[in-house]
Amino acid sequence: MKKAIAMADNCIDVYYRMDRYYLTGNSIDFAINYKAQGGDVTEMTVLGNDVFADALVERLKQRDIPLRVLKRIDRPTGMAKMDLVDGDKKHLEFHGNAMEEIELSAEDMEFVKGFDIVYAERWAKVERYIAALRQPGQIWVYDFSKRLEQPSNDALLPYLDYAFFSYDKDDDYIREFMRRTKAKGAGCVIAMLGEHGSLAYDGQRFYHQAAENVPVVNTVGAGDSYIAAFTYGVSLGESIPQCMARGKALATRIVQQFDPYLQEKEQ
């Protein structure tokens, strides 16, 4: 079984009007959902100085996900003030963030080199290290989210096997963007389109996966779960359409619940 590592974002989402919160972050959602698919995954992150950091350690332990702590920072865990409008997430404010002080030591870099699959997102700040980190045969997966046109993306793309973006529809703009992104060096470009499904482009053709029409409770975690399941399909050697179908299946389950990952009893 291929070994994956997820780095590095962790935070808490607080729904102040609903008196609810959950432990989350792109890499946390990826790791828990990847593990739920049956994958072997390790989390690598920075921890803050509060009870939420302690809770995250315990949550990953409960899920049997190894944790490599880059360092413990004397700052609070990042907290997003959230609201829900017809099931769609709304980020209202963001407070504190131990992730701002992330950096990799030489020992950390050697640790990452030992994995078959590397997942990262912007808080990992891997653009500083990726040229030295990337190993022959490694599979690199990166979530750009809605940051489609950031100039800094270009430094990462040549090293990525799978580049994921979030957009809201299938139109001429996104298809041309995916062509341009592929030409900059990415192996396969995937656009997650919410209710319009997803698109993938491998340089030869576009693949479309329609979304399923289901009642939506919360859209948080939809993208992370899609990427996790897609990547698990990659680890099994599945085709792009098979990986897309796997991503759709899990994301469809996630949007029908409040939390961004399945409860242990549901896996």
Foldseek 3Di string as FASTA:
>chain_A
DFEEEFDEAWAKEAAPVVRDIDIDTLRLLLQLLLVVVVHHYAYEYAAEDDVSSVVSVVVCVVSVHHYHHQYYYPKHDKYFHWHADQQEIDTDDIDIHPLVPDDHDPVRLVVLLPGQEYEYEVSNVCLVPLVPRQDPNHAYEYEDEAPLPDPSVLSVQQRHAEYEYEDAEDDPVVVVSQLVSVVSHHQKYKYQHVQQAIWIDRNPDIDGDHADDDRFNHQPQLVSSLVSQLVSCVVVVHDNVVSSVRSRVQSNVQRNDDDNHDDPVVD
